[in-house]
PDB file of N, CA and C in Angstrom:
ATOM      1  N   MET A   1      20.854  17.811  20.946  1.00  0.00           N
ATOM      2  CA  MET A   1      19.737  17.317  20.578  1.00  0.00           C
ATOM      3  C   MET A   1      18.663  18.477  20.952  1.00  0.00           C
ATOM      4  N   GLN A   2      17.790  18.441  19.917  1.00  0.00           N
ATOM      5  CA  GLN A   2      16.548  19.436  20.068  1.00  0.00           C
ATOM      6  C   GLN A   2      15.423  18.513  20.426  1.00  0.00           C
ATOM      7  N   PRO A   3      14.421  19.046  21.314  1.00  0.00           N
ATOM      8  CA  PRO A   3      13.200  18.493  21.711  1.00  0.00           C
ATOM      9  C   PRO A   3      12.467  17.800  20.607  1.00  0.00           C
ATOM     10  N   GLU A   4      12.454  18.200  19.292  1.00  0.00           N
ATOM     11  CA  GLU A   4      11.737  17.840  18.324  1.00  0.00           C
ATOM     12  C   GLU A   4      12.230  16.621  17.559  1.00  0.00           C
ATOM     13  N   ASP A   5      13.702  16.289  18.068  1.00  0.00           N
ATOM     14  CA  ASP A   5      14.177  15.242  17.556  1.00  0.00           C
ATOM     15  C   ASP A   5      13.626  13.859  18.162  1.00  0.00           C
ATOM     16  N   LEU A   6      13.060  13.939  19.411  1.00  0.00           N
ATOM     17  CA  LEU A   6      12.351  13.060  19.951  1.00  0.00           C
ATOM     18  C   LEU A   6      11.052  12.629  19.216  1.00  0.00           C
ATOM     19  N   LEU A   7      10.242  13.656  18.601  1.00  0.00           N
ATOM     20  CA  LEU A   7       9.267  13.258  17.859  1.00  0.00           C
ATOM     21  C   LEU A   7       9.452  12.551  16.564  1.00  0.00           C
ATOM     22  N   LEU A   8      10.711  13.077  16.004  1.00  0.00           N
ATOM     23  CA  LEU A   8      11.291  12.570  14.721  1.00  0.00           C
ATOM     24  C   LEU A   8      11.488  10.950  15.024  1.00  0.00           C
ATOM     25  N   LEU A   9      11.997  10.749  16.091  1.00  0.00           N
ATOM     26  CA  LEU A   9      12.268   9.127  16.263  1.00  0.00           C
ATOM     27  C   LEU A   9      10.947   8.284  16.036  1.00  0.00           C
ATOM     28  N   VAL A  10       9.768   8.845  16.445  1.00  0.00           N
ATOM     29  CA  VAL A  10       8.620   8.009  16.335  1.00  0.00           C
ATOM     30  C   VAL A  10       7.829   8.431  14.993  1.00  0.00           C
ATOM     31  N   THR A  11       8.308   9.135  14.303  1.00  0.00           N
ATOM     32  CA  THR A  11       7.675   9.314  13.043  1.00  0.00           C
ATOM     33  C   THR A  11       8.479   9.311  11.547  1.00  0.00           C
ATOM     34  N   ARG A  12       9.784   9.268  11.903  1.00  0.00           N
ATOM     35  CA  ARG A  12      10.550   9.368  10.641  1.00  0.00           C
ATOM     36  C   ARG A  12      11.045   7.842  10.522  1.00  0.00           C
ATOM     37  N   SER A  13      10.953   7.289   9.245  1.00  0.00           N
ATOM     38  CA  SER A  13      11.171   5.883   9.031  1.00  0.00           C
ATOM     39  C   SER A  13      12.826   5.937   8.246  1.00  0.00           C
ATOM     40  N   MET A  14      13.276   4.874   8.551  1.00  0.00           N
ATOM     41  CA  MET A  14      14.783   4.507   7.876  1.00  0.00           C
ATOM     42  C   MET A  14      14.838   4.780   6.549  1.00  0.00           C
ATOM     43  N   PRO A  15      15.452   5.437   5.963  1.00  0.00           N
ATOM     44  CA  PRO A  15      15.278   5.707   4.390  1.00  0.00           C
ATOM     45  C   PRO A  15      16.061   4.654   3.698  1.00  0.00           C
ATOM     46  N   TYR A  16      16.869   3.689   4.129  1.00  0.00           N
ATOM     47  CA  TYR A  16      17.590   2.916   3.437  1.00  0.00           C
ATOM     48  C   TYR A  16      18.176   1.555   4.286  1.00  0.00           C
ATOM     49  N   GLY A  17      18.614   0.649   3.451  1.00  0.00           N
ATOM     50  CA  GLY A  17      19.218  -0.563   4.252  1.00  0.00           C
ATOM     51  C   GLY A  17      18.186  -1.583   4.650  1.00  0.00           C
ATOM     52  N   LYS A  18      18.724  -2.440   5.426  1.00  0.00           N
ATOM     53  CA  LYS A  18      17.965  -3.671   5.831  1.00  0.00           C
ATOM     54  C   LYS A  18      16.707  -3.254   6.479  1.00  0.00           C
ATOM     55  N   TYR A  19      16.549  -2.274   7.058  1.00  0.00           N
ATOM     56  CA  TYR A  19      15.454  -1.953   7.854  1.00  0.00           C
ATOM     57  C   TYR A  19      14.713  -0.525   7.289  1.00  0.00           C
ATOM     58  N   LYS A  20      14.922  -0.501   5.919  1.00  0.00           N
ATOM     59  CA  LYS A  20      14.182   0.708   5.265  1.00  0.00           C
ATOM     60  C   LYS A  20      12.729   0.531   5.335  1.00  0.00           C
ATOM     61  N   GLY A  21      12.164   1.837   5.644  1.00  0.00           N
ATOM     62  CA  GLY A  21      10.810   1.985   6.050  1.00  0.00           C
ATOM     63  C   GLY A  21      10.210   1.683   7.513  1.00  0.00           C
ATOM     64  N   ARG A  22      11.156   1.225   8.280  1.00  0.00           N
ATOM     65  CA  ARG A  22      10.899   0.966   9.798  1.00  0.00           C
ATOM     66  C   ARG A  22      11.050   2.397  10.675  1.00  0.00           C
ATOM     67  N   LEU A  23      10.163   2.637  11.352  1.00  0.00           N
ATOM     68  CA  LEU A  23      10.472   3.843  12.172  1.00  0.00           C
ATOM     69  C   LEU A  23      11.925   3.621  12.911  1.00  0.00           C
ATOM     70  N   ILE A  24      12.508   4.941  13.180  1.00  0.00           N
ATOM     71  CA  ILE A  24      13.777   4.887  13.892  1.00  0.00           C
ATOM     72  C   ILE A  24      13.548   4.388  15.256  1.00  0.00           C
ATOM     73  N   ALA A  25      12.504   4.670  15.684  1.00  0.00           N
ATOM     74  CA  ALA A  25      12.354   4.130  17.074  1.00  0.00           C
ATOM     75  C   ALA A  25      12.025   2.727  17.369  1.00  0.00           C
ATOM     76  N   ASP A  26      11.982   1.925  16.274  1.00  0.00           N
ATOM     77  CA  ASP A  26      11.637   0.622  16.301  1.00  0.00           C
ATOM     78  C   ASP A  26      12.943  -0.234  15.681  1.00  0.00           C
ATOM     79  N   LEU A  27      14.064   0.320  15.400  1.00  0.00           N
ATOM     80  CA  LEU A  27      15.106  -0.219  14.915  1.00  0.00           C
ATOM     81  C   LEU A  27      15.636  -0.962  16.100  1.00  0.00           C
ATOM     82  N   PRO A  28      16.110  -2.314  15.475  1.00  0.00           N
ATOM     83  CA  PRO A  28      16.631  -3.161  16.879  1.00  0.00           C
ATOM     84  C   PRO A  28      18.055  -2.653  17.331  1.00  0.00           C
ATOM     85  N   GLY A  29      18.139  -2.970  18.555  1.00  0.00           N
ATOM     86  CA  GLY A  29      19.531  -2.482  19.508  1.00  0.00           C
ATOM     87  C   GLY A  29      20.855  -2.958  18.620  1.00  0.00           C
ATOM     88  N   PRO A  30      20.757  -4.146  18.041  1.00  0.00           N
ATOM     89  CA  PRO A  30      22.085  -4.855  17.576  1.00  0.00           C
ATOM     90  C   PRO A  30      22.463  -3.839  16.123  1.00  0.00           C
ATOM     91  N   TYR A  31      21.421  -3.438  15.503  1.00  0.00           N
ATOM     92  CA  TYR A  31      21.606  -2.579  14.180  1.00  0.00           C
ATOM     93  C   TYR A  31      21.990  -1.120  14.789  1.00  0.00           C
ATOM     94  N   LEU A  32      21.572  -0.699  15.860  1.00  0.00           N
ATOM     95  CA  LEU A  32      21.947   0.564  16.077  1.00  0.00           C
ATOM     96  C   LEU A  32      23.574   0.355  16.820  1.00  0.00           C
ATOM     97  N   ASN A  33      23.744  -0.512  17.461  1.00  0.00           N
ATOM     98  CA  ASN A  33      24.979  -0.857  18.001  1.00  0.00           C
ATOM     99  C   ASN A  33      26.040  -0.968  16.848  1.00  0.00           C
ATOM    100  N   TRP A  34      25.697  -1.419  15.573  1.00  0.00           N
ATOM    101  CA  TRP A  34      26.514  -1.740  14.432  1.00  0.00           C
ATOM    102  C   TRP A  34      26.839  -0.277  13.997  1.00  0.00           C
ATOM    103  N   PHE A  35      25.928   0.596  14.010  1.00  0.00           N
ATOM    104  CA  PHE A  35      26.301   2.039  13.627  1.00  0.00           C
ATOM    105  C   PHE A  35      26.913   2.802  14.361  1.00  0.00           C
ATOM    106  N   ALA A  36      26.876   2.426  15.822  1.00  0.00           N
ATOM    107  CA  ALA A  36      27.776   3.088  16.903  1.00  0.00           C
ATOM    108  C   ALA A  36      29.113   2.557  16.840  1.00  0.00           C
ATOM    109  N   ARG A  37      29.490   1.268  16.209  1.00  0.00           N
ATOM    110  CA  ARG A  37      30.879   0.791  15.961  1.00  0.00           C
ATOM    111  C   ARG A  37      31.331   1.429  14.625  1.00  0.00           C
ATOM    112  N   GLU A  38      30.552   1.199  13.623  1.00  0.00           N
ATOM    113  CA  GLU A  38      31.037   1.511  12.412  1.00  0.00           C
ATOM    114  C   GLU A  38      31.031   3.088  12.030  1.00  0.00           C
ATOM    115  N   GLY A  39      30.275   3.706  12.608  1.00  0.00           N
ATOM    116  CA  GLY A  39      30.043   5.224  12.356  1.00  0.00           C
ATOM    117  C   GLY A  39      28.583   5.590  11.872  1.00  0.00           C
ATOM    118  N   PHE A  40      28.204   6.601  12.410  1.00  0.00           N
ATOM    119  CA  PHE A  40      26.867   7.115  12.285  1.00  0.00           C
ATOM    120  C   PHE A  40      26.792   7.762  10.814  1.00  0.00           C
ATOM    121  N   PRO A  41      25.892   7.805   9.944  1.00  0.00           N
ATOM    122  CA  PRO A  41      25.972   8.677   8.652  1.00  0.00           C
ATOM    123  C   PRO A  41      25.995  10.116   9.062  1.00  0.00           C
ATOM    124  N   ASN A  42      26.374  10.948   8.022  1.00  0.00           N
ATOM    125  CA  ASN A  42      26.156  12.396   8.452  1.00  0.00           C
ATOM    126  C   ASN A  42      24.896  12.935   8.350  1.00  0.00           C
ATOM    127  N   GLY A  43      24.446  13.954   8.771  1.00  0.00           N
ATOM    128  CA  GLY A  43      23.322  14.545   8.512  1.00  0.00           C
ATOM    129  C   GLY A  43      22.163  14.247   9.658  1.00  0.00           C
ATOM    130  N   GLU A  44      20.939  14.613   9.306  1.00  0.00           N
ATOM    131  CA  GLU A  44      19.717  14.313  10.336  1.00  0.00           C
ATOM    132  C   GLU A  44      19.592  12.863  10.663  1.00  0.00           C
ATOM    133  N   ILE A  45      19.720  11.968   9.684  1.00  0.00           N
ATOM    134  CA  ILE A  45      19.609  10.647   9.947  1.00  0.00           C
ATOM    135  C   ILE A  45      20.526   9.910  10.980  1.00  0.00           C
ATOM    136  N   GLY A  46      21.900  10.472  10.654  1.00  0.00           N
ATOM    137  CA  GLY A  46      22.899  10.127  11.704  1.00  0.00           C
ATOM    138  C   GLY A  46      22.770  10.538  13.108  1.00  0.00           C
ATOM    139  N   ARG A  47      22.185  11.755  13.111  1.00  0.00           N
ATOM    140  CA  ARG A  47      21.897  12.316  14.496  1.00  0.00           C
ATOM    141  C   ARG A  47      20.774  11.654  15.082  1.00  0.00           C
ATOM    142  N   LEU A  48      19.705  11.261  14.235  1.00  0.00           N
ATOM    143  CA  LEU A  48      18.597  10.511  14.827  1.00  0.00           C
ATOM    144  C   LEU A  48      19.159   9.069  15.388  1.00  0.00           C
ATOM    145  N   LEU A  49      19.847   8.447  14.427  1.00  0.00           N
ATOM    146  CA  LEU A  49      20.317   7.019  14.947  1.00  0.00           C
ATOM    147  C   LEU A  49      21.100   6.940  16.113  1.00  0.00           C
ATOM    148  N   ALA A  50      22.137   8.198  16.189  1.00  0.00           N
ATOM    149  CA  ALA A  50      22.821   8.111  17.388  1.00  0.00           C
ATOM    150  C   ALA A  50      22.115   8.562  18.529  1.00  0.00           C
ATOM    151  N   LEU A  51      20.951   9.360  18.535  1.00  0.00           N
ATOM    152  CA  LEU A  51      20.185   9.504  19.724  1.00  0.00           C
ATOM    153  C   LEU A  51      19.314   8.246  20.114  1.00  0.00           C
ATOM    154  N   MET A  52      18.777   7.517  19.100  1.00  0.00           N
ATOM    155  CA  MET A  52      18.223   6.318  19.275  1.00  0.00           C
ATOM    156  C   MET A  52      18.939   5.259  19.863  1.00  0.00           C
ATOM    157  N   HIS A  53      20.337   5.195  19.472  1.00  0.00           N
ATOM    158  CA  HIS A  53      21.258   4.201  20.099  1.00  0.00           C
ATOM    159  C   HIS A  53      21.259   4.503  21.669  1.00  0.00           C
ATOM    160  N   GLU A  54      21.530   5.787  21.923  1.00  0.00           N
ATOM    161  CA  GLU A  54      21.521   6.335  23.383  1.00  0.00           C
ATOM    162  C   GLU A  54      20.358   5.828  24.165  1.00  0.00           C
ATOM    163  N   ILE A  55      19.417   6.149  23.537  1.00  0.00           N
ATOM    164  CA  ILE A  55      17.995   5.759  24.338  1.00  0.00           C
ATOM    165  C   ILE A  55      17.709   4.307  24.438  1.00  0.00           C
ATOM    166  N   ASP A  56      18.162   3.439  23.400  1.00  0.00           N
ATOM    167  CA  ASP A  56      18.084   2.161  23.460  1.00  0.00           C
ATOM    168  C   ASP A  56      18.914   1.549  24.451  1.00  0.00           C
ATOM    169  N   HIS A  57      20.485   2.048  24.398  1.00  0.00           N
ATOM    170  CA  HIS A  57      21.470   1.581  25.166  1.00  0.00           C
ATOM    171  C   HIS A  57      21.237   1.652  26.545  1.00  0.00           C
ATOM    172  N   ASN A  58      20.305   2.724  26.994  1.00  0.00           N
ATOM    173  CA  ASN A  58      20.326   3.159  28.454  1.00  0.00           C
ATOM    174  C   ASN A  58      18.900   2.702  28.945  1.00  0.00           C
ATOM    175  N   GLY A  59      18.273   1.981  28.102  1.00  0.00           N
ATOM    176  CA  GLY A  59      16.925   1.378  28.337  1.00  0.00           C
ATOM    177  C   GLY A  59      15.944   2.441  28.575  1.00  0.00           C
ATOM    178  N   LEU A  60      15.876   3.633  27.852  1.00  0.00           N
ATOM    179  CA  LEU A  60      14.992   4.447  27.910  1.00  0.00           C
ATOM    180  C   LEU A  60      13.617   4.530  26.742  1.00  0.00           C
ATOM    181  N   LYS A  61      13.709   3.278  26.114  1.00  0.00           N
ATOM    182  CA  LYS A  61      12.739   3.484  25.109  1.00  0.00           C
ATOM    183  C   LYS A  61      11.229   3.835  25.586  1.00  0.00           C
ATOM    184  N   PRO A  62      10.987   3.123  26.649  1.00  0.00           N
ATOM    185  CA  PRO A  62       9.714   3.733  27.233  1.00  0.00           C
ATOM    186  C   PRO A  62       9.166   5.051  27.275  1.00  0.00           C
ATOM    187  N   LEU A  63      10.341   5.994  27.272  1.00  0.00           N
ATOM    188  CA  LEU A  63      10.065   7.375  27.396  1.00  0.00           C
ATOM    189  C   LEU A  63       9.382   7.873  26.099  1.00  0.00           C
ATOM    190  N   LEU A  64       9.471   7.030  24.928  1.00  0.00           N
ATOM    191  CA  LEU A  64       8.939   7.407  23.803  1.00  0.00           C
ATOM    192  C   LEU A  64       7.593   6.955  23.527  1.00  0.00           C
ATOM    193  N   ALA A  65       6.896   6.359  24.413  1.00  0.00           N
ATOM    194  CA  ALA A  65       5.481   5.879  24.382  1.00  0.00           C
ATOM    195  C   ALA A  65       4.688   7.110  24.349  1.00  0.00           C
ATOM    196  N   PRO A  66       4.579   8.059  25.139  1.00  0.00           N
ATOM    197  CA  PRO A  66       3.725   9.077  25.024  1.00  0.00           C
ATOM    198  C   PRO A  66       3.776   9.840  23.748  1.00  0.00           C
ATOM    199  N   LEU A  67       4.784   9.963  23.295  1.00  0.00           N
ATOM    200  CA  LEU A  67       4.987  10.683  21.934  1.00  0.00           C
ATOM    201  C   LEU A  67       4.550   9.722  20.656  1.00  0.00           C
ATOM    202  N   ARG A  68       4.809   8.325  20.786  1.00  0.00           N
ATOM    203  CA  ARG A  68       4.192   7.667  19.806  1.00  0.00           C
ATOM    204  C   ARG A  68       2.835   7.525  19.971  1.00  0.00           C
ATOM    205  N   GLN A  69       2.073   7.549  21.079  1.00  0.00           N
ATOM    206  CA  GLN A  69       0.835   7.763  20.972  1.00  0.00           C
ATOM    207  C   GLN A  69       0.139   8.870  20.573  1.00  0.00           C
ATOM    208  N   ASN A  70       0.795  10.029  20.930  1.00  0.00           N
ATOM    209  CA  ASN A  70       0.180  11.381  20.445  1.00  0.00           C
ATOM    210  C   ASN A  70       0.656  11.425  18.854  1.00  0.00           C
ATOM    211  N   ALA A  71       1.568  10.762  18.230  1.00  0.00           N
ATOM    212  CA  ALA A  71       1.820  10.515  16.739  1.00  0.00           C
ATOM    213  C   ALA A  71       0.848   9.882  16.063  1.00  0.00           C
ATOM    214  N   LYS A  72       0.294   9.019  16.660  1.00  0.00           N
ATOM    215  CA  LYS A  72      -0.848   8.160  16.171  1.00  0.00           C
ATOM    216  C   LYS A  72      -2.030   8.660  16.069  1.00  0.00           C
ATOM    217  N   ALA A  73      -2.420   9.721  16.878  1.00  0.00           N
ATOM    218  CA  ALA A  73      -3.634  10.406  16.980  1.00  0.00           C
ATOM    219  C   ALA A  73      -3.391  12.006  16.740  1.00  0.00           C
ATOM    220  N   PRO A  74      -3.167  12.378  15.344  1.00  0.00           N
ATOM    221  CA  PRO A  74      -2.719  13.683  15.182  1.00  0.00           C
ATOM    222  C   PRO A  74      -4.059  14.596  15.435  1.00  0.00           C
ATOM    223  N   ASP A  75      -5.444  14.182  15.285  1.00  0.00           N
ATOM    224  CA  ASP A  75      -6.396  14.869  15.448  1.00  0.00           C
ATOM    225  C   ASP A  75      -6.565  15.296  17.157  1.00  0.00           C
ATOM    226  N   ARG A  76      -5.906  14.615  17.890  1.00  0.00           N
ATOM    227  CA  ARG A  76      -5.952  15.108  19.218  1.00  0.00           C
ATOM    228  C   ARG A  76      -5.135  16.168  19.556  1.00  0.00           C
ATOM    229  N   LYS A  77      -3.870  16.209  18.997  1.00  0.00           N
ATOM    230  CA  LYS A  77      -3.082  17.315  19.168  1.00  0.00           C
ATOM    231  C   LYS A  77      -2.353  17.735  17.822  1.00  0.00           C
ATOM    232  N   THR A  78      -2.333  19.055  17.817  1.00  0.00           N
ATOM    233  CA  THR A  78      -1.676  19.680  16.669  1.00  0.00           C
ATOM    234  C   THR A  78      -0.077  19.433  17.001  1.00  0.00           C
ATOM    235  N   PRO A  79       0.412  19.722  15.624  1.00  0.00           N
ATOM    236  CA  PRO A  79       1.860  19.594  15.677  1.00  0.00           C
ATOM    237  C   PRO A  79       2.491  20.414  16.743  1.00  0.00           C
ATOM    238  N   SER A  80       2.165  21.440  16.924  1.00  0.00           N
ATOM    239  CA  SER A  80       2.873  22.373  17.959  1.00  0.00           C
ATOM    240  C   SER A  80       2.719  21.894  19.189  1.00  0.00           C
ATOM    241  N   ARG A  81       1.534  21.023  19.606  1.00  0.00           N
ATOM    242  CA  ARG A  81       1.264  20.429  20.851  1.00  0.00           C
ATOM    243  C   ARG A  81       2.145  19.193  20.943  1.00  0.00           C
ATOM    244  N   LEU A  82       2.420  18.513  19.892  1.00  0.00           N
ATOM    245  CA  LEU A  82       3.413  17.559  19.805  1.00  0.00           C
ATOM    246  C   LEU A  82       4.702  17.863  20.130  1.00  0.00           C
ATOM    247  N   GLN A  83       5.019  18.923  19.751  1.00  0.00           N
ATOM    248  CA  GLN A  83       6.543  19.556  19.775  1.00  0.00           C
ATOM    249  C   GLN A  83       6.645  19.939  21.435  1.00  0.00           C
ATOM    250  N   ALA A  84       5.631  20.307  21.776  1.00  0.00           N
ATOM    251  CA  ALA A  84       5.501  20.902  23.332  1.00  0.00           C
ATOM    252  C   ALA A  84       5.623  19.519  24.330  1.00  0.00           C
ATOM    253  N   SER A  85       4.878  18.406  23.862  1.00  0.00           N
ATOM    254  CA  SER A  85       5.193  17.175  24.607  1.00  0.00           C
ATOM    255  C   SER A  85       6.743  16.697  24.297  1.00  0.00           C
ATOM    256  N   ALA A  86       7.220  16.889  23.346  1.00  0.00           N
ATOM    257  CA  ALA A  86       8.598  16.519  23.134  1.00  0.00           C
ATOM    258  C   ALA A  86       9.527  17.213  24.041  1.00  0.00           C
ATOM    259  N   LYS A  87       9.320  18.620  24.042  1.00  0.00           N
ATOM    260  CA  LYS A  87      10.170  19.397  24.800  1.00  0.00           C
ATOM    261  C   LYS A  87       9.952  19.077  26.245  1.00  0.00           C
ATOM    262  N   GLN A  88       8.690  18.919  26.845  1.00  0.00           N
ATOM    263  CA  GLN A  88       8.416  18.573  28.124  1.00  0.00           C
ATOM    264  C   GLN A  88       9.163  17.200  28.451  1.00  0.00           C
ATOM    265  N   ALA A  89       9.278  16.142  27.561  1.00  0.00           N
ATOM    266  CA  ALA A  89       9.777  14.874  27.822  1.00  0.00           C
ATOM    267  C   ALA A  89      11.254  15.374  28.359  1.00  0.00           C
ATOM    268  N   THR A  90      11.971  16.317  27.463  1.00  0.00           N
ATOM    269  CA  THR A  90      13.357  16.479  27.735  1.00  0.00           C
ATOM    270  C   THR A  90      13.615  17.270  29.024  1.00  0.00           C
ATOM    271  N   THR A  91      12.704  17.954  29.430  1.00  0.00           N
ATOM    272  CA  THR A  91      12.907  18.730  30.617  1.00  0.00           C
ATOM    273  C   THR A  91      12.600  18.143  31.944  1.00  0.00           C
ATOM    274  N   HIS A  92      11.609  17.068  31.860  1.00  0.00           N
ATOM    275  CA  HIS A  92      11.175  16.438  33.026  1.00  0.00           C
ATOM    276  C   HIS A  92      11.878  14.962  33.194  1.00  0.00           C
ATOM    277  N   GLY A  93      12.848  14.678  32.400  1.00  0.00           N
ATOM    278  CA  GLY A  93      13.451  13.423  32.553  1.00  0.00           C
ATOM    279  C   GLY A  93      14.750  13.363  33.208  1.00  0.00           C
TER     280      GLY A  93
END
């Protein structure tokens, strides 16, 4: 996992399927569990879904709240500062 992946969870939308258009961080647990059972897709989307499954399964969704707030207010933080926030979340957790 890269620190930037945490930021992608709160900014990247599901590109297909039942929850197309929903942020990956907002996907329901049972949907993530289904992927865990059936297999995650290849590539970046699969990596992000697997990461979100681990976060959800371990009850760590609240850790995404600061990143979510920063992503909603891009004028307060530049992308490089958002990435720094994501990196800090991985080193202090």
